[in-house]
Protein backbone atom coordinates (compact mmCIF):
# COMPACT_ATOMS: atom_id res chain seq x y z
CA UNK A 1 0.00 0.00 0.00
CA UNK A 2 2.74 2.46 0.89
CA UNK A 3 4.54 1.61 -2.34
CA UNK A 4 1.42 2.48 -4.29
CA UNK A 5 1.00 5.86 -2.64
CA UNK A 6 4.68 6.75 -2.84
CA UNK A 7 4.91 5.96 -6.54
CA UNK A 8 1.62 7.66 -7.32
CA UNK A 9 2.46 11.02 -5.77
CA UNK A 10 3.37 13.66 -8.33
CA UNK A 11 4.76 16.51 -6.19
CA UNK A 12 5.45 18.67 -9.23
CA UNK A 13 2.17 17.94 -11.01
CA UNK A 14 0.86 20.57 -13.37
CA UNK A 15 -2.45 22.35 -13.45
CA UNK A 16 -5.60 20.22 -13.79
CA UNK A 17 -5.62 21.17 -17.44
CA UNK A 18 -2.17 19.77 -18.06
CA UNK A 19 -0.27 23.05 -18.06
CA UNK A 20 3.05 23.98 -16.53
CA UNK A 21 2.75 23.92 -12.73
CA UNK A 22 4.85 27.02 -12.37
CA UNK A 23 2.54 28.96 -14.64
CA UNK A 24 2.76 32.67 -15.24
CA UNK A 25 0.94 35.70 -13.90
CA UNK A 26 -1.92 35.32 -16.33
CA UNK A 27 -2.45 31.61 -15.69
CA UNK A 28 -2.42 32.33 -11.95
CA UNK A 29 -5.16 34.89 -12.29
CA UNK A 30 -7.08 32.50 -14.53
CA UNK A 31 -7.24 30.05 -11.65
CA UNK A 32 -8.76 32.67 -9.35
CA UNK A 33 -11.27 33.71 -12.00
CA UNK A 34 -12.24 30.12 -12.72
CA UNK A 35 -12.70 29.29 -9.05
CA UNK A 36 -14.67 32.50 -8.51
CA UNK A 37 -17.07 31.45 -11.25
CA UNK A 38 -17.27 27.91 -9.88
CA UNK A 39 -18.25 28.99 -6.36
CA UNK A 40 -19.86 32.32 -7.33
CA UNK A 41 -22.54 30.70 -9.46
CA UNK A 42 -23.62 28.59 -6.51
CA UNK A 43 -23.72 31.61 -4.22
CA UNK A 44 -25.84 33.52 -6.72
CA UNK A 45 -28.33 30.71 -7.38
CA UNK A 46 -31.43 30.94 -5.20
CA UNK A 47 -35.15 30.39 -5.21
CA UNK A 48 -37.37 33.50 -5.49
CA UNK A 49 -38.47 33.10 -1.86
CA UNK A 50 -35.94 33.31 0.96
CA UNK A 51 -36.54 33.05 4.69
CA UNK A 52 -34.25 32.76 7.67
CA UNK A 53 -33.60 30.03 10.18
CA UNK A 54 -34.54 31.23 13.68
CA UNK A 55 -31.24 30.04 15.19
CA UNK A 56 -28.87 31.60 14.82
CA UNK A 57 -29.70 33.50 11.65
CA UNK A 58 -32.83 35.29 12.81
CA UNK A 59 -31.21 36.17 16.12
CA UNK A 60 -28.17 37.85 14.55
CA UNK A 61 -30.19 39.41 11.72
CA UNK A 62 -32.62 41.07 14.11
CA UNK A 63 -29.95 42.27 16.53
CA UNK A 64 -28.16 43.89 13.59
CA UNK A 65 -31.44 45.51 12.54
CA UNK A 66 -31.81 47.08 15.98
CA UNK A 67 -28.23 48.37 15.72
CA UNK A 68 -29.13 50.19 12.50
CA UNK A 69 -32.48 51.49 13.78
CA UNK A 70 -31.23 52.63 17.18
CA UNK A 71 -27.70 53.69 16.27
CA UNK A 72 -26.50 51.80 19.36
CA UNK A 73 -23.50 49.69 18.30
CA UNK A 74 -22.70 48.59 21.88
CA UNK A 75 -25.86 47.07 23.30
CA UNK A 76 -26.63 43.49 22.35
CA UNK A 77 -30.37 43.60 22.89
CA UNK A 78 -33.61 41.77 22.46
CA UNK A 79 -36.74 43.95 22.58
CA UNK A 80 -34.91 46.63 24.53
CA UNK A 81 -33.40 44.27 27.08
CA UNK A 82 -29.58 43.87 27.08
CA UNK A 83 -28.65 40.25 26.39
CA UNK A 84 -24.85 40.18 25.90
CA UNK A 85 -24.55 36.40 25.68
CA UNK A 86 -21.91 36.32 22.91
CA UNK A 87 -19.47 38.54 21.04
CA UNK A 88 -20.64 41.25 18.65
CA UNK A 89 -18.64 40.69 15.45
CA UNK A 90 -21.26 39.08 13.20
CA UNK A 91 -23.92 41.58 14.25
CA UNK A 92 -21.63 44.42 13.22
CA UNK A 93 -20.89 42.83 9.85
CA UNK A 94 -24.59 42.34 9.14
CA UNK A 95 -25.39 45.87 10.33
CA UNK A 96 -22.81 47.30 7.92
CA UNK A 97 -24.44 45.27 5.13
CA UNK A 98 -27.84 46.72 6.12
CA UNK A 99 -26.39 50.22 5.98
CA UNK A 100 -25.18 49.61 2.44
CA UNK A 101 -28.02 47.58 0.94
CA UNK A 102 -31.04 47.75 3.25
CA UNK A 103 -32.57 45.24 5.65
CA UNK A 104 -33.46 41.85 4.20
CA UNK A 105 -32.70 38.17 4.68
CA UNK A 106 -30.40 38.14 1.64
CA UNK A 107 -28.38 41.09 2.89
CA UNK A 108 -28.05 39.47 6.33
CA UNK A 109 -26.41 36.52 4.59
CA UNK A 110 -24.04 38.66 2.53
CA UNK A 111 -21.04 38.61 4.95
CA UNK A 112 -21.06 34.81 5.01
CA UNK A 113 -21.37 34.61 1.21
CA UNK A 114 -18.37 36.92 0.74
CA UNK A 115 -16.40 34.95 3.33
CA UNK A 116 -17.32 31.69 1.57
CA UNK A 117 -15.99 33.00 -1.74
CA UNK A 118 -12.85 34.39 -0.12
CA UNK A 119 -12.19 31.12 1.70
CA UNK A 120 -12.26 29.17 -1.58
CA UNK A 121 -9.64 31.50 -3.08
CA UNK A 122 -7.52 31.39 0.09
CA UNK A 123 -7.70 27.59 0.07
CA UNK A 124 -6.27 27.62 -3.44
CA UNK A 125 -3.49 30.02 -2.52
CA UNK A 126 -2.60 28.08 0.62
CA UNK A 127 -2.59 24.85 -1.34
CA UNK A 128 -0.31 26.09 -4.08
CA UNK A 129 2.16 27.44 -1.53
CA UNK A 130 2.19 24.27 0.61
CA UNK A 131 1.51 21.56 -1.98
CA UNK A 132 1.18 22.03 -5.76
CA UNK A 133 -0.97 24.12 -8.07
CA UNK A 134 -2.77 20.99 -9.18
CA UNK A 135 -3.67 19.89 -5.65
CA UNK A 136 -4.54 23.48 -4.74
CA UNK A 137 -6.94 23.82 -7.66
CA UNK A 138 -8.78 20.61 -6.89
CA UNK A 139 -8.83 21.43 -3.18
CA UNK A 140 -10.48 24.82 -3.72
CA UNK A 141 -12.92 23.32 -6.23
CA UNK A 142 -13.77 20.53 -3.79
CA UNK A 143 -14.43 23.04 -0.99
CA UNK A 144 -17.00 24.74 -3.24
CA UNK A 145 -18.59 21.33 -3.84
CA UNK A 146 -18.80 20.44 -0.14
CA UNK A 147 -22.49 20.43 0.87
CA UNK A 148 -22.33 21.63 4.48
CA UNK A 149 -19.78 24.32 3.63
CA UNK A 150 -21.93 25.79 0.87
CA UNK A 151 -25.05 25.68 3.01
CA UNK A 152 -23.26 27.56 5.78
CA UNK A 153 -21.93 29.99 3.16
CA UNK A 154 -25.47 31.27 2.74
CA UNK A 155 -26.40 31.52 6.42
CA UNK A 156 -26.15 34.64 8.59
CA UNK A 157 -23.90 32.96 11.17
CA UNK A 158 -20.39 33.44 12.55
CA UNK A 159 -18.57 30.34 11.39
CA UNK A 160 -17.78 30.93 7.72
CA UNK A 161 -16.47 34.49 8.35
CA UNK A 162 -14.45 33.05 11.24
CA UNK A 163 -12.95 30.39 8.96
CA UNK A 164 -12.09 33.04 6.37
CA UNK A 165 -10.23 35.04 9.03
CA UNK A 166 -8.34 31.94 10.16
CA UNK A 167 -7.32 31.14 6.58
CA UNK A 168 -6.22 34.74 6.10
CA UNK A 169 -4.06 34.52 9.22
CA UNK A 170 -2.46 31.25 8.09
CA UNK A 171 -1.89 32.72 4.63
CA UNK A 172 -0.17 35.73 6.22
CA UNK A 173 2.14 33.41 8.18
CA UNK A 174 3.14 31.65 4.97
CA UNK A 175 3.74 34.98 3.25
CA UNK A 176 6.00 35.97 6.15
CA UNK A 177 8.03 32.83 5.45
CA UNK A 178 8.27 33.52 1.75
CA UNK A 179 9.18 37.19 2.10
CA UNK A 180 11.55 37.52 5.07
CA UNK A 181 12.16 41.17 4.17
CA UNK A 182 8.40 41.77 4.69
CA UNK A 183 7.98 39.45 7.68
CA UNK A 184 6.87 42.31 9.93
CA UNK A 185 4.07 43.29 7.56
CA UNK A 186 2.73 39.76 7.22
CA UNK A 187 3.24 38.89 10.88
CA UNK A 188 1.28 41.98 11.85
CA UNK A 189 -1.62 40.89 9.62
CA UNK A 190 -1.56 37.36 11.07
CA UNK A 191 -1.77 38.75 14.59
CA UNK A 192 -4.69 41.01 13.75
CA UNK A 193 -6.80 38.10 12.50
CA UNK A 194 -6.64 36.43 15.92
CA UNK A 195 -8.21 39.40 17.68
CA UNK A 196 -10.84 39.86 14.99
CA UNK A 197 -11.65 36.16 15.24
CA UNK A 198 -12.13 36.64 18.97
CA UNK A 199 -14.59 39.45 18.19
CA UNK A 200 -16.57 36.98 16.08
CA UNK A 201 -16.61 33.93 18.33
CA UNK A 202 -14.74 34.72 21.56
CA UNK A 203 -12.60 31.88 22.92
CA UNK A 204 -13.34 29.55 20.02
CA UNK A 205 -10.17 30.98 18.47
CA UNK A 206 -8.18 29.18 21.18
CA UNK A 207 -8.47 25.69 19.56
CA UNK A 208 -7.22 27.22 16.31
CA UNK A 209 -4.14 28.71 18.00
CA UNK A 210 -3.54 25.44 19.84
CA UNK A 211 -3.79 23.46 16.58
CA UNK A 212 -1.21 25.79 15.01
CA UNK A 213 1.24 25.22 17.87
CA UNK A 214 3.03 22.22 16.26
CA UNK A 215 3.66 24.27 13.13
CA UNK A 216 4.76 27.33 15.09
CA UNK A 217 7.10 25.36 17.37
CA UNK A 218 8.38 22.52 15.16
CA UNK A 219 9.21 24.79 12.23
CA UNK A 220 10.28 27.86 14.20
CA UNK A 221 13.87 27.52 13.00
CA UNK A 222 12.71 28.15 9.44
CA UNK A 223 9.89 30.67 9.75
CA UNK A 224 10.81 32.49 13.03
CA UNK A 225 7.23 33.54 13.65
CA UNK A 226 7.49 33.27 17.43
CA UNK A 227 10.29 35.83 17.47
CA UNK A 228 8.52 38.25 15.15
CA UNK A 229 7.57 41.29 17.28
CA UNK A 230 5.08 42.46 14.65
CA UNK A 231 3.01 39.32 15.29
CA UNK A 232 2.46 40.38 18.87
CA UNK A 233 1.79 43.95 17.83
CA UNK A 234 -0.92 42.66 15.50
CA UNK A 235 -2.38 40.60 18.34
CA UNK A 236 -2.71 43.70 20.49
CA UNK A 237 -4.29 45.77 17.73
CA UNK A 238 -6.60 42.94 16.68
CA UNK A 239 -8.00 42.63 20.18
CA UNK A 240 -8.75 46.37 20.50
CA UNK A 241 -12.28 46.19 18.95
CA UNK A 242 -13.29 43.34 21.26
CA UNK A 243 -11.74 44.94 24.36
CA UNK A 244 -13.25 48.32 23.51
CA UNK A 245 -16.72 46.81 23.05
CA UNK A 246 -16.46 44.86 26.29
CA UNK A 247 -15.23 47.98 28.11
CA UNK A 248 -18.11 50.11 26.82
CA UNK A 249 -20.59 47.33 27.67
CA UNK A 250 -19.27 47.08 31.22
CA UNK A 251 -19.49 50.85 31.53
CA UNK A 252 -23.19 50.70 30.59
CA UNK A 253 -24.32 47.48 32.26
CA UNK A 254 -21.75 46.57 34.88
CA UNK A 255 -20.16 43.11 34.85
CA UNK A 256 -23.22 41.47 33.30
CA UNK A 257 -21.77 41.39 29.72
CA UNK A 258 -18.58 39.70 30.97
CA UNK A 259 -20.45 37.19 33.13
CA UNK A 260 -22.94 36.24 30.42
CA UNK A 261 -20.52 36.14 27.50
CA UNK A 262 -17.80 34.07 29.11
CA UNK A 263 -20.09 32.25 31.53
CA UNK A 264 -21.91 30.83 28.50
CA UNK A 265 -18.60 29.66 27.04
CA UNK A 266 -17.64 27.89 30.28
CA UNK A 267 -21.08 26.27 30.40
CA UNK A 268 -20.75 25.04 26.82
CA UNK A 269 -17.34 23.56 27.55
CA UNK A 270 -18.86 21.48 30.35
CA UNK A 271 -21.95 20.27 28.46
CA UNK A 272 -22.41 17.45 25.99
CA UNK A 273 -24.56 19.40 23.53
CA UNK A 274 -27.75 17.48 22.53
CA UNK A 275 -26.10 14.28 23.86
CA UNK A 276 -23.93 14.06 20.75
CA UNK A 277 -21.37 11.79 22.33
CA UNK A 278 -17.61 11.58 21.71
CA UNK A 279 -18.03 9.94 18.27
CA UNK A 280 -20.25 12.69 16.90
CA UNK A 281 -17.75 14.16 14.43
CA UNK A 282 -16.69 10.73 13.19
CA UNK A 283 -20.06 10.31 11.49
CA UNK A 284 -21.31 13.90 11.25
CA UNK A 285 -18.43 15.25 9.15
CA UNK A 286 -18.56 12.39 6.59
CA UNK A 287 -22.34 12.72 6.34
CA UNK A 288 -22.41 16.50 5.94
CA UNK A 289 -19.36 16.78 3.66
CA UNK A 290 -19.89 13.60 1.60
CA UNK A 291 -17.94 12.29 -0.28
CA UNK A 292 -14.80 14.31 0.46
CA UNK A 293 -13.89 13.03 3.96
CA UNK A 294 -13.62 9.56 2.45
CA UNK A 295 -11.00 10.88 0.04
CA UNK A 296 -9.32 12.96 2.76
CA UNK A 297 -8.51 9.86 4.86
CA UNK A 298 -6.17 8.35 2.23
CA UNK A 299 -4.96 11.92 1.67
CA UNK A 300 -3.72 11.91 5.27
CA UNK A 301 -1.86 8.69 4.58
CA UNK A 302 -0.33 10.10 1.39
CA UNK A 303 0.77 13.19 3.26
CA UNK A 304 2.13 11.17 6.15
CA UNK A 305 4.16 9.01 3.78
CA UNK A 306 5.76 12.18 2.44
CA UNK A 307 7.22 12.75 5.92
CA UNK A 308 9.20 9.53 5.99
CA UNK A 309 9.87 8.57 2.37
CA UNK A 310 11.64 11.73 1.20
CA UNK A 311 15.12 11.95 2.80
CA UNK A 312 15.84 15.37 1.33
CA UNK A 313 13.93 18.65 1.34
CA UNK A 314 10.38 17.70 0.49
CA UNK A 315 8.48 19.64 -2.18
CA UNK A 316 5.51 19.34 0.18
CA UNK A 317 6.70 21.95 2.66
CA UNK A 318 5.03 23.10 5.89
CA UNK A 319 3.71 19.63 6.69
CA UNK A 320 2.95 20.62 10.27
CA UNK A 321 0.58 23.19 8.80
CA UNK A 322 -1.39 21.54 6.00
CA UNK A 323 -1.34 18.10 7.63
CA UNK A 324 -0.73 18.65 11.33
CA UNK A 325 -3.12 21.57 11.79
CA UNK A 326 -6.35 19.79 10.68
CA UNK A 327 -5.46 16.63 12.64
CA UNK A 328 -4.82 18.57 15.85
CA UNK A 329 -7.88 20.78 15.37
CA UNK A 330 -10.09 17.72 14.85
CA UNK A 331 -8.74 16.21 18.07
CA UNK A 332 -9.37 19.43 20.01
CA UNK A 333 -12.91 19.83 18.69
CA UNK A 334 -13.65 16.21 19.56
CA UNK A 335 -12.35 16.76 23.10
CA UNK A 336 -14.61 19.83 23.52
CA UNK A 337 -17.83 18.53 25.10
CA UNK A 338 -20.17 20.77 23.13
CA UNK A 339 -20.29 19.34 19.60
CA UNK A 340 -22.27 20.95 16.80
CA UNK A 341 -22.48 20.69 13.02
CA UNK A 342 -20.90 24.11 12.52
CA UNK A 343 -17.69 23.82 14.61
CA UNK A 344 -16.02 21.52 12.00
CA UNK A 345 -16.55 24.12 9.25
CA UNK A 346 -13.07 25.39 10.21
CA UNK A 347 -11.66 22.00 9.17
CA UNK A 348 -13.25 21.76 5.75
CA UNK A 349 -10.72 23.78 3.68
CA UNK A 350 -8.01 21.37 4.83
CA UNK A 351 -10.27 18.35 4.38
CA UNK A 352 -10.73 19.58 0.80
CA UNK A 353 -6.96 19.86 0.26
CA UNK A 354 -6.36 16.36 1.63
CA UNK A 355 -9.14 15.01 -0.57
CA UNK A 356 -7.54 16.80 -3.51
CA UNK A 357 -4.25 15.07 -2.71
CA UNK A 358 -6.02 11.74 -3.15
CA UNK A 359 -7.89 12.87 -6.26
CA UNK A 360 -4.64 14.10 -7.84
CA UNK A 361 -2.94 10.80 -6.99
CA UNK A 362 -5.81 8.92 -8.63
CA UNK A 363 -5.56 11.19 -11.66
CA UNK A 364 -1.89 10.31 -12.04
CA UNK A 365 -2.78 6.64 -11.72
CA UNK A 366 -5.47 7.10 -14.39
CA UNK A 367 -2.72 8.06 -16.84
CA UNK A 368 -0.61 5.02 -15.96
CA UNK A 369 -2.12 2.78 -18.60
CA UNK A 370 0.22 -0.12 -17.85
CA UNK A 371 0.13 0.14 -14.07
CA UNK A 372 -1.58 -2.96 -12.64
CA UNK A 373 -2.91 -0.87 -9.74
CA UNK A 374 -5.12 1.02 -12.18
CA UNK A 375 -7.93 -1.34 -11.16
CA UNK A 376 -8.83 1.32 -8.58
CA UNK A 377 -10.03 3.59 -11.39
CA UNK A 378 -12.75 1.28 -12.79
CA UNK A 379 -13.71 0.20 -9.27
CA UNK A 380 -14.26 3.77 -8.08
CA UNK A 381 -15.98 4.67 -11.34
CA UNK A 382 -18.43 1.80 -10.89
CA UNK A 383 -19.06 2.70 -7.23
CA UNK A 384 -19.83 6.32 -8.11
CA UNK A 385 -22.04 5.22 -10.99
CA UNK A 386 -23.83 2.78 -8.69
CA UNK A 387 -24.60 5.53 -6.20
CA UNK A 388 -25.62 7.81 -9.07
CA UNK A 389 -27.94 5.16 -10.53
CA UNK A 390 -29.64 4.68 -7.16
CA UNK A 391 -30.14 8.44 -6.85
CA UNK A 392 -31.53 8.72 -10.38
CA UNK A 393 -33.87 5.80 -9.75
CA UNK A 394 -35.10 7.33 -6.50
CA UNK A 395 -35.60 10.69 -8.20
CA UNK A 396 -37.58 9.22 -11.08
CA UNK A 397 -39.80 7.20 -8.73
CA UNK A 398 -40.40 10.26 -6.57
CA UNK A 399 -41.49 12.29 -9.59
CA UNK A 400 -43.69 9.49 -10.95
CA UNK A 401 -45.21 8.38 -7.64
CA UNK A 402 -44.97 11.25 -5.14
CA UNK A 403 -47.73 9.69 -3.02
CA UNK A 404 -45.33 6.92 -2.03
CA UNK A 405 -43.21 9.38 -0.06
CA UNK A 406 -44.19 11.09 3.24
CA UNK A 407 -42.29 14.31 2.47
CA UNK A 408 -44.26 17.31 1.17
CA UNK A 409 -43.23 18.66 -2.24
CA UNK A 410 -41.11 15.58 -2.86
CA UNK A 411 -40.32 16.86 -6.35
CA UNK A 412 -37.74 19.22 -4.85
CA UNK A 413 -35.80 16.34 -3.33
CA UNK A 414 -36.23 14.35 -6.54
CA UNK A 415 -34.52 17.07 -8.59
CA UNK A 416 -31.61 17.17 -6.12
CA UNK A 417 -31.22 13.39 -6.37
CA UNK A 418 -31.32 13.52 -10.18
CA UNK A 419 -28.66 16.24 -10.33
CA UNK A 420 -26.31 14.33 -8.03
CA UNK A 421 -26.94 11.03 -9.78
CA UNK A 422 -26.36 12.32 -13.30
CA UNK A 423 -23.12 14.01 -12.23
CA UNK A 424 -21.75 10.81 -10.73
CA UNK A 425 -22.31 8.88 -13.94
CA UNK A 426 -19.62 10.98 -15.63
CA UNK A 427 -16.51 9.16 -14.28
CA UNK A 428 -17.73 5.78 -15.55
CA UNK A 429 -18.70 7.31 -18.89
CA UNK A 430 -15.26 8.86 -19.32
CA UNK A 431 -13.50 5.68 -18.29
CA UNK A 432 -15.63 3.58 -20.64
CA UNK A 433 -14.92 5.90 -23.55
CA UNK A 434 -11.22 6.11 -22.79
CA UNK A 435 -10.41 2.63 -21.54
CA UNK A 436 -13.21 0.32 -22.61
CA UNK A 437 -14.41 1.88 -25.86
CA UNK A 438 -12.04 2.79 -28.72
CA UNK A 439 -8.90 1.80 -26.80
CA UNK A 440 -10.26 -1.68 -26.15
CA UNK A 441 -10.79 -2.20 -29.87
CA UNK A 442 -7.18 -1.31 -30.63
CA UNK A 443 -7.72 2.32 -31.53
CA UNK A 444 -6.21 5.33 -29.84
CA UNK A 445 -8.75 7.64 -28.19
CA UNK A 446 -9.18 10.89 -30.09
CA UNK A 447 -9.07 12.85 -26.82
CA UNK A 448 -5.62 13.25 -25.22
CA UNK A 449 -5.24 11.11 -22.14
CA UNK A 450 -4.60 14.00 -19.74
CA UNK A 451 -7.92 15.55 -20.78
CA UNK A 452 -9.73 12.28 -20.10
CA UNK A 453 -8.04 12.18 -16.71
CA UNK A 454 -9.28 15.70 -15.99
CA UNK A 455 -12.81 14.86 -17.11
CA UNK A 456 -12.77 11.80 -14.88
CA UNK A 457 -11.68 13.94 -11.92
CA UNK A 458 -14.30 16.59 -12.66
CA UNK A 459 -16.93 13.85 -12.57
CA UNK A 460 -16.31 13.47 -8.85
CA UNK A 461 -17.26 17.12 -8.34
CA UNK A 462 -20.23 17.36 -10.69
CA UNK A 463 -22.54 15.28 -8.52
CA UNK A 464 -22.16 17.32 -5.31
CA UNK A 465 -22.01 20.61 -7.22
CA UNK A 466 -25.21 19.83 -9.11
CA UNK A 467 -26.98 18.74 -5.93
CA UNK A 468 -25.96 21.96 -4.17
CA UNK A 469 -27.21 24.01 -7.12
CA UNK A 470 -30.62 22.30 -7.01
CA UNK A 471 -30.82 22.64 -3.23
CA UNK A 472 -30.49 26.40 -3.71
CA UNK A 473 -32.80 26.64 -6.73
CA UNK A 474 -35.61 24.60 -5.14
CA UNK A 475 -35.46 26.60 -1.90
CA UNK A 476 -34.61 23.58 0.26
CA UNK A 477 -31.62 25.70 1.21
CA UNK A 478 -32.42 29.35 1.72
CA UNK A 479 -36.19 29.26 2.26
CA UNK A 480 -36.27 27.59 5.66
CA UNK A 481 -39.51 29.08 7.06
CA UNK A 482 -41.72 30.04 4.10
CA UNK A 483 -44.83 30.55 6.25
CA UNK A 484 -43.37 33.83 7.54
CA UNK A 485 -43.28 35.22 4.01
CA UNK A 486 -47.06 35.60 4.14
CA UNK A 487 -46.40 38.63 6.32
CA UNK A 488 -45.31 40.41 3.13
CA UNK A 489 -48.60 39.56 1.37
CA UNK A 490 -52.16 40.95 1.73
CA UNK A 491 -53.91 41.37 4.07
CA UNK A 492 -51.02 41.38 6.57
CA UNK A 493 -48.78 43.47 4.32
CA UNK A 494 -50.96 46.59 4.44
CA UNK A 495 -51.37 46.51 8.22
CA UNK A 496 -47.77 45.69 9.08
CA UNK A 497 -46.33 48.30 6.72
CA UNK A 498 -48.66 51.06 7.93
CA UNK A 499 -48.65 50.57 11.71
CA UNK A 500 -46.19 49.71 14.48
CA UNK A 501 -46.98 46.27 15.86
CA UNK A 502 -46.38 45.37 19.48
CA UNK A 503 -45.74 41.92 20.89
CA UNK A 504 -47.38 40.28 23.87
CA UNK A 505 -44.62 37.99 25.07
CA UNK A 506 -44.50 35.90 28.18
CA UNK A 507 -40.96 35.90 29.63
CA UNK A 508 -40.11 32.52 28.11
CA UNK A 509 -41.45 33.55 24.70
CA UNK A 510 -39.28 36.64 24.41
CA UNK A 511 -36.05 34.66 24.60
CA UNK A 512 -34.05 33.46 21.60
CA UNK A 513 -35.09 29.93 22.56
CA UNK A 514 -38.51 30.70 21.07
CA UNK A 515 -38.15 30.15 17.32
CA UNK A 516 -41.47 31.72 16.44
CA UNK A 517 -40.84 34.94 18.37
CA UNK A 518 -37.43 35.41 16.71
CA UNK A 519 -38.77 35.17 13.16
CA UNK A 520 -41.97 37.05 13.97
CA UNK A 521 -39.85 39.91 15.22
CA UNK A 522 -37.57 40.01 12.17
CA UNK A 523 -40.39 39.90 9.61
CA UNK A 524 -42.47 42.63 11.29
CA UNK A 525 -41.44 45.84 9.46
CA UNK A 526 -42.39 48.30 12.22
CA UNK A 527 -41.85 47.11 15.75
CA UNK A 528 -43.61 48.66 18.70
CA UNK A 529 -42.94 47.54 22.25
CA UNK A 530 -42.94 44.23 24.04
CA UNK A 531 -45.33 43.66 26.94
CA UNK A 532 -46.36 40.69 29.01
CA UNK A 533 -50.04 41.68 29.25
CA UNK A 534 -52.18 43.02 26.39
CA UNK A 535 -53.96 45.33 28.85
CA UNK A 536 -50.76 47.39 28.99
CA UNK A 537 -51.40 48.52 25.40
CA UNK A 538 -53.66 51.36 24.27
CA UNK A 539 -56.97 50.73 22.51
CA UNK A 540 -56.45 50.59 18.77
CA UNK A 541 -52.87 49.33 19.03
CA UNK A 542 -51.86 46.34 16.95
CA UNK A 543 -50.20 43.38 18.61
CA UNK A 544 -48.98 39.85 18.09
CA UNK A 545 -50.01 37.34 20.74
CA UNK A 546 -50.33 33.59 21.05
CA UNK A 547 -53.60 32.15 19.83
CA UNK A 548 -54.01 30.39 23.17
CA UNK A 549 -54.16 33.84 24.83
CA UNK A 550 -56.89 35.07 22.50
CA UNK A 551 -59.54 33.84 24.94
CA UNK A 552 -58.54 36.58 27.38
CA UNK A 553 -59.63 39.29 24.92
CA UNK A 554 -63.27 40.27 24.31
CA UNK A 555 -65.06 37.68 22.17
CA UNK A 556 -65.65 40.14 19.32
CA UNK A 557 -61.93 40.92 18.90
CA UNK A 558 -61.16 40.25 15.22
CA UNK A 559 -58.15 38.20 14.18
CA UNK A 560 -56.44 40.17 11.39
CA UNK A 561 -53.90 37.48 10.50
CA UNK A 562 -52.16 34.40 11.76
CA UNK A 563 -48.64 33.00 11.44
CA UNK A 564 -48.23 29.60 13.04
CA UNK A 565 -49.54 29.92 16.60
CA UNK A 566 -49.38 33.72 16.61
CA UNK A 567 -52.30 35.97 15.74
CA UNK A 568 -52.41 39.66 14.86
CA UNK A 569 -55.14 41.62 16.66
CA UNK A 570 -56.15 45.22 17.24
CA UNK A 571 -56.60 45.99 20.93
CA UNK A 572 -60.30 46.70 21.57
CA UNK A 573 -61.68 49.72 23.46
C-alpha cells in the first residue's frame, strides 16, 4: 500500500488542465477567475423566496437591525433588554451590510457569502504554496462542492467568516516565510486576524491557535514567527475592537456582559450538547461533507508518507501546517464537550486539500495505462455510478409516484437526487470511452489522455455541485420558514407596513429559545414595544399574541392574521 501511494504522488504535477505547474501571472489569475465562477454561481443561485432560520440567523439578523435602527453599536439587545450572551462581530458585519443595501434576509447573509468566496480562493493560494498548483486547484474546487460548507456559506452565522479570518491569518504566516524582508508586515496581519476572530466567536479561536502550535514550534527555525515582534503587535491591535466593546458594555451594564458572555462559554465547555457523544464528528463530518472526507482519509496517509519517504527537502513543505493543523484541530474539537455541526466548518478547507491530494494521486494513476494498480479507477468509477444510478432511480420514482413518499413537495428532493446522480455517472462514462471503448478495440482515443483524466476527476465534483445548485434553486436551502413570508402579502402586508406592531410575550417567549418569536420579530417591518399583558397597550394598538391567549380578549376581537400559533389583533376599546 505504501509503495502504491509513494509511486503515485506527483509533487510537481501541473495544473488540472495539463499546463506547466509554475505557470505565469496570467495563468495564476485565470485560476482565481475560474474558481470565482465555480463557487460564485452557486452563491448567486437561489429560489425567489428566501426566509431565515430562527437560530442563529434570525437572532443575529434582528440584533443587527436594531443596531441600525437605534444607532446603538454597543448594546446586544432583544426587545430593549440587554442580552450580551456572545461577542458582537457578526452583528456588526450584518449591520454594515444593512447600511449599504437595506434590511433583508439576503443582505443578512451577505457577509457569510463573501467569506465563503474568499475562503475558496484562500484555500487555493494556501494549497499552491504548501503543496502544488494541481492539488490546490482541486482542493479549492472541492471546498466549493462540499455540501455543508456551501449551506453555511449562505447563512447569517459566525462560522464561515471566522474560517475566512483563520485562513487569512495562516496565509499571512506563509507569506511571512516567503518574504523575510516583509515578515513584519505579514506577521502583523496574522496577529490582527486572531483578535478579529475573537470578536466573532470569543474563545473559540483558542483551539485554532492550539492546533497551530506544532507548526509554530516545530518549524520555528525556518519561519521564526514566534520571534517576530510584529506578530504580537498585531495581536494587540486585533484585540482592541473586542476589548473596547467589552469595556463600553461594562461601563453601561456593569459586569453582566462579561459574566454572560464568558459564563456561557464555560457552560458550553462542560456540556455534551444534545447528547452528541464523543463519536459525533466521526459520522457527522462524513455525512455533511460527503464524499470528500472519504478521500481525505487516504490523503492523510499520502501526506504522512511524504514525511518519511523523502530523505531530502520535500516539495511538500510546511507539513505541520497543512497536515498537522487539521489533525490537531479535529482532536481538540472532539475533546470539547459541546459538539455541533458548525464547529467543523473550520476544518473543511483542509479536508478539501487532503481530498484533492487523493484525487490528484488517482488522476496520475489514471494516466498510468500499464500500471496494474489502475484497477482502482474502474472500481471507483463503478461505485460512483452505482450511487448515481440509485439516486436517479429514487428521483424518477419520486417524480412518478410522489404519493409513495411522506415528504411534502417531494419533487424538490427528486430534482436534487437527479442532479447528483447524473453528475456521478460521468466518471464511468469517461473511463468507458477512454479505456473500454475505442482503446479496447485497438484504436487510440481521439481525446488526449490528460484531458480524459481531468474529465474523470471533474466527474467526482459534478454530482455534489449539481446537488448543491438544485438545493439552492428549489429553496430547500435558503427558504427555511416560508410561512413567515405571508407577512409580506395581503392582508397582513398593508397593516404591518402602515402601523407599528407590538408583541405580547411571556418571559419565556421573548427569549431566543422561542423560534417563532425570533422570526416574527424580524419579519415585522415596524416594531412597537414588548409587553407581558395586552392590557398594557392602548386601545387601537396592533399586537402579536399567542392564539391560546386570544380567549382573554373580548369575544368580538377580530383576528387580522395568523402566522403559526401567533395571531395579529387590534386591541379593543
